[in-house]
Amino acid sequence: MSTNIDTPETVEADSTEVSCDGGGDLGHPRVYLNMGDKGEVDCPYCDRKFVLTTEHAS
């Protein structure tokens, strides 16, 4: 038996503060996330990863 698990989507962002609603009609409640000093954060609902673009990283 084979299990096909999709890799979570990675989204480039130009701000350390992002929001995620899961996208589409069957998303999840909108959450607001802060990347902090790491420059990346994962959505706790859908595991979508937000990464600060290199031109905006400090």
PDB file of N, CA and C in Angstrom:
ATOM      1  N   MET A   1       0.841  -1.170   0.000  1.00  0.00           N
ATOM      2  CA  MET A   1       0.000   0.000   0.000  1.00  0.00           C
ATOM      3  C   MET A   1       0.891   1.240   0.000  1.00  0.00           C
ATOM      4  N   SER A   2       0.523   2.192  -0.818  1.00  0.00           N
ATOM      5  CA  SER A   2       1.291   3.423  -0.942  1.00  0.00           C
ATOM      6  C   SER A   2       0.465   4.592  -0.421  1.00  0.00           C
ATOM      7  N   THR A   3       1.095   5.429   0.363  1.00  0.00           N
ATOM      8  CA  THR A   3       0.431   6.616   0.880  1.00  0.00           C
ATOM      9  C   THR A   3       1.023   7.832   0.188  1.00  0.00           C
ATOM     10  N   ASN A   4       0.164   8.627  -0.435  1.00  0.00           N
ATOM     11  CA  ASN A   4       0.608   9.823  -1.132  1.00  0.00           C
ATOM     12  C   ASN A   4       0.299  11.032  -0.255  1.00  0.00           C
ATOM     13  N   ILE A   5       1.329  11.623   0.330  1.00  0.00           N
ATOM     14  CA  ILE A   5       1.159  12.796   1.181  1.00  0.00           C
ATOM     15  C   ILE A   5       1.760  13.988   0.454  1.00  0.00           C
ATOM     16  N   ASP A   6       0.926  14.987   0.199  1.00  0.00           N
ATOM     17  CA  ASP A   6       1.399  16.186  -0.481  1.00  0.00           C
ATOM     18  C   ASP A   6       2.287  17.004   0.445  1.00  0.00           C
ATOM     19  N   THR A   7       3.330  17.580  -0.129  1.00  0.00           N
ATOM     20  CA  THR A   7       4.199  18.483   0.606  1.00  0.00           C
ATOM     21  C   THR A   7       3.455  19.790   0.827  1.00  0.00           C
ATOM     22  N   PRO A   8       3.508  20.342   2.047  1.00  0.00           N
ATOM     23  CA  PRO A   8       2.823  21.616   2.292  1.00  0.00           C
ATOM     24  C   PRO A   8       3.344  22.716   1.362  1.00  0.00           C
ATOM     25  N   GLU A   9       2.463  23.610   0.993  1.00  0.00           N
ATOM     26  CA  GLU A   9       2.798  24.731   0.111  1.00  0.00           C
ATOM     27  C   GLU A   9       3.747  25.693   0.821  1.00  0.00           C
ATOM     28  N   THR A  10       4.702  26.253   0.080  1.00  0.00           N
ATOM     29  CA  THR A  10       5.591  27.290   0.595  1.00  0.00           C
ATOM     30  C   THR A  10       5.245  28.595  -0.104  1.00  0.00           C
ATOM     31  N   VAL A  11       5.033  29.637   0.702  1.00  0.00           N
ATOM     32  CA  VAL A  11       4.639  30.944   0.182  1.00  0.00           C
ATOM     33  C   VAL A  11       5.709  31.956   0.553  1.00  0.00           C
ATOM     34  N   GLU A  12       6.200  32.695  -0.441  1.00  0.00           N
ATOM     35  CA  GLU A  12       7.155  33.772  -0.168  1.00  0.00           C
ATOM     36  C   GLU A  12       6.380  35.019   0.227  1.00  0.00           C
ATOM     37  N   ALA A  13       6.842  35.699   1.266  1.00  0.00           N
ATOM     38  CA  ALA A  13       6.165  36.893   1.771  1.00  0.00           C
ATOM     39  C   ALA A  13       7.161  38.040   1.862  1.00  0.00           C
ATOM     40  N   ASP A  14       6.654  39.266   1.738  1.00  0.00           N
ATOM     41  CA  ASP A  14       7.529  40.433   1.833  1.00  0.00           C
ATOM     42  C   ASP A  14       7.406  41.130   3.184  1.00  0.00           C
ATOM     43  N   SER A  15       6.716  40.492   4.130  1.00  0.00           N
ATOM     44  CA  SER A  15       6.545  41.031   5.471  1.00  0.00           C
ATOM     45  C   SER A  15       6.668  39.892   6.474  1.00  0.00           C
ATOM     46  N   THR A  16       7.129  40.195   7.683  1.00  0.00           N
ATOM     47  CA  THR A  16       7.235  39.157   8.709  1.00  0.00           C
ATOM     48  C   THR A  16       5.888  38.832   9.335  1.00  0.00           C
ATOM     49  N   GLU A  17       4.859  39.620   9.040  1.00  0.00           N
ATOM     50  CA  GLU A  17       3.508  39.353   9.532  1.00  0.00           C
ATOM     51  C   GLU A  17       2.643  38.911   8.365  1.00  0.00           C
ATOM     52  N   VAL A  18       2.056  37.716   8.467  1.00  0.00           N
ATOM     53  CA  VAL A  18       1.250  37.145   7.393  1.00  0.00           C
ATOM     54  C   VAL A  18      -0.050  36.602   7.973  1.00  0.00           C
ATOM     55  N   SER A  19      -1.017  36.345   7.088  1.00  0.00           N
ATOM     56  CA  SER A  19      -2.252  35.688   7.509  1.00  0.00           C
ATOM     57  C   SER A  19      -2.491  34.489   6.607  1.00  0.00           C
ATOM     58  N   CYS A  20      -3.212  33.504   7.139  1.00  0.00           N
ATOM     59  CA  CYS A  20      -3.511  32.294   6.381  1.00  0.00           C
ATOM     60  C   CYS A  20      -4.945  31.879   6.682  1.00  0.00           C
ATOM     61  N   ASP A  21      -5.686  31.545   5.622  1.00  0.00           N
ATOM     62  CA  ASP A  21      -7.055  31.045   5.801  1.00  0.00           C
ATOM     63  C   ASP A  21      -7.235  29.678   5.147  1.00  0.00           C
ATOM     64  N   GLY A  22      -6.147  29.055   4.766  1.00  0.00           N
ATOM     65  CA  GLY A  22      -6.201  27.734   4.165  1.00  0.00           C
ATOM     66  C   GLY A  22      -6.542  27.726   2.696  1.00  0.00           C
ATOM     67  N   GLY A  23      -7.029  28.831   2.175  1.00  0.00           N
ATOM     68  CA  GLY A  23      -7.366  28.929   0.765  1.00  0.00           C
ATOM     69  C   GLY A  23      -8.578  28.110   0.377  1.00  0.00           C
ATOM     70  N   GLY A  24      -9.198  28.482  -0.697  1.00  0.00           N
ATOM     71  CA  GLY A  24     -10.332  27.731  -1.224  1.00  0.00           C
ATOM     72  C   GLY A  24     -11.572  27.815  -0.350  1.00  0.00           C
ATOM     73  N   ASP A  25     -12.605  27.103  -0.779  1.00  0.00           N
ATOM     74  CA  ASP A  25     -13.878  27.114  -0.060  1.00  0.00           C
ATOM     75  C   ASP A  25     -13.824  26.336   1.245  1.00  0.00           C
ATOM     76  N   LEU A  26     -12.940  25.375   1.335  1.00  0.00           N
ATOM     77  CA  LEU A  26     -12.871  24.529   2.530  1.00  0.00           C
ATOM     78  C   LEU A  26     -11.627  24.826   3.351  1.00  0.00           C
ATOM     79  N   GLY A  27     -11.313  26.094   3.504  1.00  0.00           N
ATOM     80  CA  GLY A  27     -10.123  26.500   4.247  1.00  0.00           C
ATOM     81  C   GLY A  27     -10.308  26.314   5.744  1.00  0.00           C
ATOM     82  N   HIS A  28      -9.722  27.203   6.516  1.00  0.00           N
ATOM     83  CA  HIS A  28      -9.821  27.166   7.973  1.00  0.00           C
ATOM     84  C   HIS A  28      -9.966  28.596   8.467  1.00  0.00           C
ATOM     85  N   PRO A  29     -10.210  28.795   9.767  1.00  0.00           N
ATOM     86  CA  PRO A  29     -10.311  30.165  10.282  1.00  0.00           C
ATOM     87  C   PRO A  29      -9.030  30.942   9.974  1.00  0.00           C
ATOM     88  N   ARG A  30      -9.184  32.214   9.637  1.00  0.00           N
ATOM     89  CA  ARG A  30      -8.008  33.049   9.345  1.00  0.00           C
ATOM     90  C   ARG A  30      -7.174  33.214  10.613  1.00  0.00           C
ATOM     91  N   VAL A  31      -5.888  32.970  10.470  1.00  0.00           N
ATOM     92  CA  VAL A  31      -4.953  33.172  11.572  1.00  0.00           C
ATOM     93  C   VAL A  31      -3.885  34.154  11.119  1.00  0.00           C
ATOM     94  N   TYR A  32      -3.395  34.939  12.060  1.00  0.00           N
ATOM     95  CA  TYR A  32      -2.338  35.905  11.795  1.00  0.00           C
ATOM     96  C   TYR A  32      -1.069  35.383  12.452  1.00  0.00           C
ATOM     97  N   LEU A  33       0.001  35.324  11.675  1.00  0.00           N
ATOM     98  CA  LEU A  33       1.246  34.709  12.121  1.00  0.00           C
ATOM     99  C   LEU A  33       2.399  35.695  12.012  1.00  0.00           C
ATOM    100  N   ASN A  34       3.348  35.601  12.924  1.00  0.00           N
ATOM    101  CA  ASN A  34       4.527  36.454  12.918  1.00  0.00           C
ATOM    102  C   ASN A  34       5.765  35.572  12.776  1.00  0.00           C
ATOM    103  N   MET A  35       6.611  35.887  11.809  1.00  0.00           N
ATOM    104  CA  MET A  35       7.811  35.091  11.552  1.00  0.00           C
ATOM    105  C   MET A  35       8.904  35.316  12.585  1.00  0.00           C
ATOM    106  N   GLY A  36       8.854  36.432  13.280  1.00  0.00           N
ATOM    107  CA  GLY A  36       9.901  36.730  14.248  1.00  0.00           C
ATOM    108  C   GLY A  36      11.256  36.849  13.573  1.00  0.00           C
ATOM    109  N   ASP A  37      12.301  36.468  14.279  1.00  0.00           N
ATOM    110  CA  ASP A  37      13.668  36.575  13.760  1.00  0.00           C
ATOM    111  C   ASP A  37      14.034  35.439  12.811  1.00  0.00           C
ATOM    112  N   LYS A  38      13.255  34.356  12.818  1.00  0.00           N
ATOM    113  CA  LYS A  38      13.568  33.200  11.970  1.00  0.00           C
ATOM    114  C   LYS A  38      13.359  33.478  10.489  1.00  0.00           C
ATOM    115  N   GLY A  39      12.407  34.368  10.163  1.00  0.00           N
ATOM    116  CA  GLY A  39      12.121  34.646   8.763  1.00  0.00           C
ATOM    117  C   GLY A  39      11.244  33.597   8.113  1.00  0.00           C
ATOM    118  N   GLU A  40      10.612  32.744   8.929  1.00  0.00           N
ATOM    119  CA  GLU A  40       9.679  31.751   8.401  1.00  0.00           C
ATOM    120  C   GLU A  40       8.734  31.317   9.517  1.00  0.00           C
ATOM    121  N   VAL A  41       7.557  30.839   9.107  1.00  0.00           N
ATOM    122  CA  VAL A  41       6.571  30.356  10.072  1.00  0.00           C
ATOM    123  C   VAL A  41       5.650  29.375   9.361  1.00  0.00           C
ATOM    124  N   ASP A  42       5.172  28.366  10.086  1.00  0.00           N
ATOM    125  CA  ASP A  42       4.237  27.380   9.548  1.00  0.00           C
ATOM    126  C   ASP A  42       2.850  27.637  10.116  1.00  0.00           C
ATOM    127  N   CYS A  43       1.839  27.518   9.271  1.00  0.00           N
ATOM    128  CA  CYS A  43       0.460  27.650   9.720  1.00  0.00           C
ATOM    129  C   CYS A  43       0.118  26.431  10.584  1.00  0.00           C
ATOM    130  N   PRO A  44      -0.445  26.650  11.778  1.00  0.00           N
ATOM    131  CA  PRO A  44      -0.770  25.515  12.646  1.00  0.00           C
ATOM    132  C   PRO A  44      -1.951  24.685  12.147  1.00  0.00           C
ATOM    133  N   TYR A  45      -2.747  25.213  11.224  1.00  0.00           N
ATOM    134  CA  TYR A  45      -3.893  24.478  10.684  1.00  0.00           C
ATOM    135  C   TYR A  45      -3.527  23.633   9.470  1.00  0.00           C
ATOM    136  N   CYS A  46      -2.906  24.255   8.465  1.00  0.00           N
ATOM    137  CA  CYS A  46      -2.700  23.563   7.185  1.00  0.00           C
ATOM    138  C   CYS A  46      -1.230  23.296   6.863  1.00  0.00           C
ATOM    139  N   ASP A  47      -0.322  23.684   7.737  1.00  0.00           N
ATOM    140  CA  ASP A  47       1.122  23.479   7.561  1.00  0.00           C
ATOM    141  C   ASP A  47       1.726  24.260   6.406  1.00  0.00           C
ATOM    142  N   ARG A  48       0.976  25.200   5.824  1.00  0.00           N
ATOM    143  CA  ARG A  48       1.542  26.063   4.782  1.00  0.00           C
ATOM    144  C   ARG A  48       2.705  26.824   5.401  1.00  0.00           C
ATOM    145  N   LYS A  49       3.827  26.858   4.700  1.00  0.00           N
ATOM    146  CA  LYS A  49       5.027  27.530   5.208  1.00  0.00           C
ATOM    147  C   LYS A  49       5.164  28.889   4.554  1.00  0.00           C
ATOM    148  N   PHE A  50       5.355  29.913   5.363  1.00  0.00           N
ATOM    149  CA  PHE A  50       5.587  31.269   4.883  1.00  0.00           C
ATOM    150  C   PHE A  50       7.050  31.599   5.130  1.00  0.00           C
ATOM    151  N   VAL A  51       7.726  32.085   4.074  1.00  0.00           N
ATOM    152  CA  VAL A  51       9.152  32.389   4.131  1.00  0.00           C
ATOM    153  C   VAL A  51       9.356  33.825   3.682  1.00  0.00           C
ATOM    154  N   LEU A  52      10.140  34.565   4.443  1.00  0.00           N
ATOM    155  CA  LEU A  52      10.454  35.945   4.088  1.00  0.00           C
ATOM    156  C   LEU A  52      11.364  35.945   2.870  1.00  0.00           C
ATOM    157  N   THR A  53      11.003  36.725   1.847  1.00  0.00           N
ATOM    158  CA  THR A  53      11.832  36.791   0.643  1.00  0.00           C
ATOM    159  C   THR A  53      13.191  37.387   0.993  1.00  0.00           C
ATOM    160  N   THR A  54      14.211  36.964   0.285  1.00  0.00           N
ATOM    161  CA  THR A  54      15.574  37.374   0.613  1.00  0.00           C
ATOM    162  C   THR A  54      15.781  38.879   0.488  1.00  0.00           C
ATOM    163  N   GLU A  55      15.086  39.530  -0.432  1.00  0.00           N
ATOM    164  CA  GLU A  55      15.286  40.975  -0.569  1.00  0.00           C
ATOM    165  C   GLU A  55      14.676  41.756   0.586  1.00  0.00           C
ATOM    166  N   HIS A  56      13.806  41.112   1.389  1.00  0.00           N
ATOM    167  CA  HIS A  56      13.209  41.775   2.544  1.00  0.00           C
ATOM    168  C   HIS A  56      13.790  41.285   3.863  1.00  0.00           C
ATOM    169  N   ALA A  57      14.651  40.301   3.816  1.00  0.00           N
ATOM    170  CA  ALA A  57      15.275  39.786   5.043  1.00  0.00           C
ATOM    171  C   ALA A  57      16.313  40.789   5.526  1.00  0.00           C
ATOM    172  N   SER A  58      16.435  40.905   6.843  1.00  0.00           N
ATOM    173  CA  SER A  58      17.410  41.863   7.380  1.00  0.00           C
ATOM    174  C   SER A  58      18.639  41.180   7.903  1.00  0.00           C
TER     175      SER A  58
END
